[in-house]
Amino acid sequence: MSTIEAEPIARAHYTSDVALAALAPVSWGTTYVVTATLLPPDRPLLAATLRALPAGLVLLAATRRLPRGAWWWKAAVLGMLNFGAFFPLLFFAAYRLPGGVAATIGSVQPLVVALLSMLILQAKPARAALYAAAAGTGGVALLTLTAQARLDPLGIGAMLLATSLMGAAIVLTKKWGQPESPLVMTGWQLTIGGLVLAPFTLAVEGLPPAFTGQNLLGFAYLGIVGTALAYALWFRGIDRLAPTSVSLLGLTNPLVATVAGLVVLGQTLTGWQIAGFAIALAALVAGQTLSRKAS
């Protein structure tokens, strides 16, 4: 097959990989609305545990594969970075910060991943892709920040740490590879993270007197769609795409969250927010295009 004939096929495969990986942050963009409307209030550890552990146990039972050799400790490290530490920090920040502040901090992840890629993988991201990442952060800031936004120091610290931990997980997954399918890898990490979280949840928050039907619906959606399926697609994307390219897809999270707020919560956008939405969307598209050309 000639190079000319192979190019459209390679482009189609790349586009398919990007689209499937993007479904993960797309689903995460609905987390804000689900948390606000369906979950019990002020229970970040409970939300983190019930999002991780049931989904992990189901995947573990379905795949029937356990780690071998060094992958016991590697799965434990990734499980803590992606879930055991990331989830409670994320929910803690969500309860202390407006969604716009959290989204803006989270949007710096491509820059964190670029730095860690240089340190750990000795891979230098394309300069143009870094410009796209910076533009994306600026667009998200215009879209989500308001003059009334509360800048809680603990919330900001938690969100920065959460963003950095997830960025480190992306780079380490790229460095170590994936010895099993994305579903198996997701099951390992969710189970480990959930098992670590469970005793802390029971000791600190305990269980609510009862779960409502809405609570159960919210946890089921987050566990199945926003966690088990989403992270399987996310780990598949990490395996097939450049680290910076994967992390840039995180920009779809605040974009989808904004659309969900418009549709479900009846929110409206100002002119500056519309401009920010356009900038973030353009940065996302440009970043993927530039990352592909650089690969």
Protein backbone atom coordinates (compact mmCIF):
# COMPACT_ATOMS: atom_id res chain seq x y z
CA MET A 1 0.00 0.00 0.00
CA SER A 2 1.41 3.38 -1.00
CA THR A 3 2.00 6.24 1.41
CA ILE A 4 -0.70 8.27 -0.34
CA GLU A 5 -3.24 5.48 0.15
CA ALA A 6 -2.21 4.86 3.77
CA GLU A 7 -2.54 8.50 4.84
CA PRO A 8 -6.38 8.67 4.76
CA ILE A 9 -6.58 5.36 6.67
CA ALA A 10 -4.16 6.60 9.33
CA ARG A 11 -6.11 9.86 9.61
CA ALA A 12 -9.38 7.94 10.01
CA HIS A 13 -7.87 5.74 12.74
CA TYR A 14 -6.52 8.78 14.56
CA THR A 15 -9.87 10.56 14.37
CA SER A 16 -11.64 7.45 15.68
CA ASP A 17 -9.18 7.13 18.58
CA VAL A 18 -9.63 10.82 19.49
CA ALA A 19 -13.43 10.62 19.27
CA LEU A 20 -13.64 7.53 21.50
CA ALA A 21 -11.23 8.96 24.06
CA ALA A 22 -13.17 12.25 24.07
CA LEU A 23 -16.31 10.41 25.21
CA ALA A 24 -14.66 10.09 28.65
CA PRO A 25 -14.35 13.82 29.46
CA VAL A 26 -17.68 14.38 27.71
CA SER A 27 -19.32 12.11 30.28
CA TRP A 28 -17.33 13.76 33.08
CA GLY A 29 -18.77 17.10 31.99
CA THR A 30 -22.18 15.91 33.17
CA THR A 31 -20.83 15.12 36.67
CA TYR A 32 -21.48 18.65 37.93
CA VAL A 33 -25.18 18.55 37.04
CA VAL A 34 -25.61 14.99 38.35
CA THR A 35 -23.90 15.85 41.63
CA ALA A 36 -25.97 19.01 42.11
CA THR A 37 -29.32 17.43 41.28
CA LEU A 38 -29.14 13.73 42.26
CA LEU A 39 -26.46 12.99 44.88
CA PRO A 40 -26.65 13.48 48.68
CA PRO A 41 -25.16 16.87 49.60
CA ASP A 42 -21.82 17.41 51.35
CA ARG A 43 -20.52 13.84 51.17
CA PRO A 44 -17.39 13.92 48.98
CA LEU A 45 -15.88 10.69 50.34
CA LEU A 46 -19.14 8.79 49.93
CA ALA A 47 -19.51 10.08 46.38
CA ALA A 48 -15.93 9.10 45.56
CA THR A 49 -16.25 5.60 47.07
CA LEU A 50 -19.58 4.74 45.47
CA ARG A 51 -18.35 6.03 42.14
CA ALA A 52 -15.25 3.81 42.22
CA LEU A 53 -15.75 0.61 44.22
CA PRO A 54 -18.97 -0.91 42.78
CA ALA A 55 -17.86 -0.26 39.21
CA GLY A 56 -14.43 -1.73 39.95
CA LEU A 57 -15.83 -4.88 41.50
CA VAL A 58 -18.22 -5.42 38.58
CA LEU A 59 -15.41 -5.05 36.04
CA LEU A 60 -13.14 -7.31 38.10
CA ALA A 61 -15.83 -10.01 38.23
CA ALA A 62 -16.57 -9.66 34.52
CA THR A 63 -12.96 -9.79 33.29
CA ARG A 64 -11.64 -12.28 35.88
CA ARG A 65 -8.08 -11.06 35.50
CA LEU A 66 -5.73 -10.09 38.33
CA PRO A 67 -2.41 -8.23 38.10
CA ARG A 68 0.79 -10.24 37.84
CA GLY A 69 4.28 -9.48 39.05
CA ALA A 70 5.19 -5.81 39.11
CA TRP A 71 1.70 -4.88 37.98
CA TRP A 72 0.41 -5.36 41.52
CA TRP A 73 2.27 -2.26 42.70
CA LYS A 74 1.91 -0.41 39.40
CA ALA A 75 -1.87 -0.93 39.46
CA ALA A 76 -1.90 0.26 43.07
CA VAL A 77 -0.01 3.44 42.17
CA LEU A 78 -2.26 4.19 39.20
CA GLY A 79 -5.37 3.29 41.20
CA MET A 80 -4.46 5.81 43.87
CA LEU A 81 -3.53 8.52 41.38
CA ASN A 82 -6.63 8.09 39.22
CA PHE A 83 -9.21 7.23 41.89
CA GLY A 84 -8.12 6.72 45.51
CA ALA A 85 -6.67 10.24 45.78
CA PHE A 86 -8.09 12.00 42.73
CA PHE A 87 -11.80 11.36 43.37
CA PRO A 88 -11.98 12.67 46.97
CA LEU A 89 -9.84 15.69 46.08
CA LEU A 90 -12.09 16.40 43.11
CA PHE A 91 -15.30 16.21 45.15
CA PHE A 92 -13.71 18.18 48.01
CA ALA A 93 -12.82 20.97 45.58
CA ALA A 94 -16.27 20.81 43.99
CA TYR A 95 -17.92 21.41 47.37
CA ARG A 96 -15.62 24.37 48.18
CA LEU A 97 -15.27 26.06 44.79
CA PRO A 98 -17.66 27.31 42.14
CA GLY A 99 -17.65 25.02 39.11
CA GLY A 100 -16.00 27.73 37.04
CA VAL A 101 -12.95 28.00 39.29
CA ALA A 102 -12.56 24.21 39.44
CA ALA A 103 -12.92 23.90 35.67
CA THR A 104 -10.33 26.61 35.03
CA ILE A 105 -7.79 24.95 37.34
CA GLY A 106 -8.50 21.56 35.79
CA SER A 107 -7.91 22.95 32.30
CA VAL A 108 -4.20 23.45 33.03
CA GLN A 109 -3.71 19.67 32.98
CA PRO A 110 -2.29 19.62 29.41
CA LEU A 111 0.50 21.91 30.59
CA VAL A 112 1.15 19.66 33.62
CA VAL A 113 1.24 16.60 31.35
CA ALA A 114 3.63 18.37 28.96
CA LEU A 115 6.04 19.14 31.81
CA LEU A 116 5.86 15.62 33.25
CA SER A 117 6.32 14.13 29.77
CA MET A 118 9.59 16.03 29.42
CA LEU A 119 10.76 14.91 32.87
CA ILE A 120 9.63 11.26 32.78
CA LEU A 121 9.32 10.30 29.10
CA GLN A 122 12.00 12.67 27.72
CA ALA A 123 9.36 13.63 25.16
CA LYS A 124 9.18 17.26 24.11
CA PRO A 125 5.65 18.30 23.10
CA ALA A 126 5.19 20.44 20.01
CA ARG A 127 5.38 24.13 20.89
CA ALA A 128 2.21 24.83 18.93
CA ALA A 129 0.35 22.22 20.99
CA LEU A 130 1.47 23.99 24.16
CA TYR A 131 0.15 27.27 22.77
CA ALA A 132 -3.17 25.53 22.12
CA ALA A 133 -3.21 24.24 25.71
CA ALA A 134 -2.60 27.73 27.09
CA ALA A 135 -5.30 29.18 24.83
CA GLY A 136 -7.68 26.47 26.02
CA THR A 137 -7.10 27.46 29.64
CA GLY A 138 -7.78 31.08 28.76
CA GLY A 139 -10.97 30.13 26.95
CA VAL A 140 -12.20 28.04 29.87
CA ALA A 141 -11.44 30.93 32.24
CA LEU A 142 -13.55 33.32 30.12
CA LEU A 143 -16.30 30.72 29.91
CA THR A 144 -16.52 29.73 33.55
CA LEU A 145 -15.11 32.42 35.83
CA THR A 146 -17.32 35.19 37.18
CA ALA A 147 -16.62 38.26 39.29
CA GLN A 148 -18.47 36.61 42.18
CA ALA A 149 -16.33 33.43 42.11
CA ARG A 150 -15.07 32.39 45.57
CA LEU A 151 -11.32 31.67 45.67
CA ASP A 152 -11.16 29.25 48.60
CA PRO A 153 -7.46 28.39 49.22
CA LEU A 154 -8.14 24.82 50.35
CA GLY A 155 -10.38 24.18 47.36
CA ILE A 156 -7.82 25.62 44.96
CA GLY A 157 -5.05 23.52 46.51
CA ALA A 158 -7.17 20.37 46.29
CA MET A 159 -8.05 20.97 42.64
CA LEU A 160 -4.44 21.72 41.69
CA LEU A 161 -3.29 18.53 43.40
CA ALA A 162 -6.06 16.49 41.79
CA THR A 163 -5.18 17.85 38.36
CA SER A 164 -1.49 17.09 38.89
CA LEU A 165 -2.20 13.53 40.12
CA MET A 166 -4.31 12.71 37.07
CA GLY A 167 -1.64 14.22 34.82
CA ALA A 168 1.00 12.03 36.49
CA ALA A 169 -1.24 8.98 35.94
CA ILE A 170 -1.47 9.75 32.21
CA VAL A 171 2.30 9.97 31.87
CA LEU A 172 3.03 6.87 33.99
CA THR A 173 0.46 4.83 32.05
CA LYS A 174 2.20 5.88 28.85
CA LYS A 175 5.58 4.95 30.32
CA TRP A 176 4.55 1.57 31.72
CA GLY A 177 2.20 0.52 28.95
CA GLN A 178 -0.91 -1.58 29.48
CA PRO A 179 -0.48 -5.37 29.80
CA GLU A 180 -4.22 -6.02 29.62
CA SER A 181 -7.29 -4.56 27.92
CA PRO A 182 -8.60 -1.15 29.01
CA LEU A 183 -11.55 -2.79 30.81
CA VAL A 184 -9.20 -4.99 32.86
CA MET A 185 -6.93 -2.05 33.70
CA THR A 186 -9.95 0.03 34.71
CA GLY A 187 -11.25 -2.74 36.97
CA TRP A 188 -7.92 -3.10 38.77
CA GLN A 189 -7.53 0.59 39.45
CA LEU A 190 -11.13 1.28 40.44
CA THR A 191 -11.15 -1.64 42.88
CA ILE A 192 -7.88 -0.61 44.52
CA GLY A 193 -8.91 3.04 44.79
CA GLY A 194 -12.36 2.15 46.10
CA LEU A 195 -11.03 -0.31 48.71
CA VAL A 196 -8.66 2.35 50.04
CA LEU A 197 -11.46 4.93 50.20
CA ALA A 198 -14.11 2.72 51.83
CA PRO A 199 -12.78 2.66 55.44
CA PHE A 200 -12.11 6.41 55.39
CA THR A 201 -15.65 7.01 54.18
CA LEU A 202 -17.18 4.90 56.94
CA ALA A 203 -14.98 6.50 59.61
CA VAL A 204 -15.35 10.13 58.54
CA GLU A 205 -18.77 10.46 56.89
CA GLY A 206 -20.62 7.22 57.47
CA LEU A 207 -23.68 6.30 55.44
CA PRO A 208 -26.80 8.46 55.09
CA PRO A 209 -29.98 7.21 56.81
CA ALA A 210 -31.39 6.21 53.43
CA PHE A 211 -30.76 6.58 49.71
CA THR A 212 -33.50 8.07 47.59
CA GLY A 213 -34.34 6.86 44.11
CA GLN A 214 -32.62 9.94 42.73
CA ASN A 215 -29.47 9.18 44.73
CA LEU A 216 -29.36 5.62 43.36
CA LEU A 217 -29.91 6.87 39.81
CA GLY A 218 -27.10 9.40 40.19
CA PHE A 219 -24.63 6.87 41.60
CA ALA A 220 -25.57 4.32 38.91
CA TYR A 221 -24.99 6.86 36.15
CA LEU A 222 -21.65 8.03 37.56
CA GLY A 223 -20.47 4.48 38.22
CA ILE A 224 -21.46 2.90 34.90
CA VAL A 225 -21.25 5.72 32.34
CA GLY A 226 -18.99 8.27 34.01
CA THR A 227 -16.51 5.79 35.47
CA ALA A 228 -16.44 2.18 34.19
CA LEU A 229 -17.09 2.94 30.52
CA ALA A 230 -15.50 6.38 30.51
CA TYR A 231 -12.20 5.29 32.04
CA ALA A 232 -11.95 2.23 29.80
CA LEU A 233 -12.15 4.58 26.81
CA TRP A 234 -9.76 7.01 28.51
CA PHE A 235 -7.10 4.33 29.11
CA ARG A 236 -7.55 3.15 25.51
CA GLY A 237 -6.87 6.70 24.38
CA ILE A 238 -3.77 6.99 26.56
CA ASP A 239 -2.43 3.82 24.92
CA ARG A 240 -2.98 5.12 21.37
CA LEU A 241 -2.47 8.89 21.55
CA ALA A 242 0.28 11.25 22.66
CA PRO A 243 0.01 12.33 26.32
CA THR A 244 -0.56 16.00 25.48
CA SER A 245 -3.20 15.06 22.91
CA VAL A 246 -5.10 13.00 25.49
CA SER A 247 -4.95 15.67 28.17
CA LEU A 248 -6.19 18.35 25.73
CA LEU A 249 -9.39 16.32 25.41
CA GLY A 250 -10.09 17.34 29.00
CA LEU A 251 -11.19 20.70 27.60
CA THR A 252 -14.42 19.00 26.52
CA ASN A 253 -15.30 18.59 30.21
CA PRO A 254 -16.11 22.27 30.93
CA LEU A 255 -17.61 22.68 27.47
CA VAL A 256 -20.08 19.85 28.05
CA ALA A 257 -20.70 21.05 31.62
CA THR A 258 -21.65 24.44 30.20
CA VAL A 259 -24.06 22.93 27.69
CA ALA A 260 -25.57 20.73 30.41
CA GLY A 261 -26.04 23.79 32.61
CA LEU A 262 -27.80 25.58 29.77
CA VAL A 263 -30.12 22.67 29.01
CA VAL A 264 -30.79 21.19 32.46
CA LEU A 265 -30.35 24.10 34.86
CA GLY A 266 -31.59 26.88 32.59
CA GLN A 267 -28.36 28.90 32.82
CA THR A 268 -27.47 31.63 30.32
CA LEU A 269 -24.19 32.83 28.79
CA THR A 270 -22.77 36.34 28.46
CA GLY A 271 -20.89 37.55 25.41
CA TRP A 272 -17.54 36.93 27.09
CA GLN A 273 -18.60 33.39 27.99
CA ILE A 274 -19.61 32.69 24.40
CA ALA A 275 -16.20 33.97 23.27
CA GLY A 276 -14.51 31.74 25.85
CA PHE A 277 -16.49 28.72 24.64
CA ALA A 278 -15.37 29.40 21.07
CA ILE A 279 -11.72 29.86 22.08
CA ALA A 280 -11.66 26.65 24.14
CA LEU A 281 -13.33 24.69 21.33
CA ALA A 282 -10.90 26.08 18.75
CA ALA A 283 -7.95 25.25 21.03
CA LEU A 284 -9.22 21.68 21.42
CA VAL A 285 -9.51 21.15 17.66
CA ALA A 286 -6.20 22.88 16.91
CA GLY A 287 -4.39 20.94 19.63
CA GLN A 288 -5.51 17.59 18.24
CA THR A 289 -4.54 18.58 14.70
CA LEU A 290 -1.12 19.81 15.77
CA SER A 291 -0.51 16.76 17.98
CA ARG A 292 -1.26 14.45 15.06
CA LYS A 293 1.09 16.29 12.71
CA ALA A 294 3.84 16.16 15.34
CA SER A 295 3.43 12.42 15.91
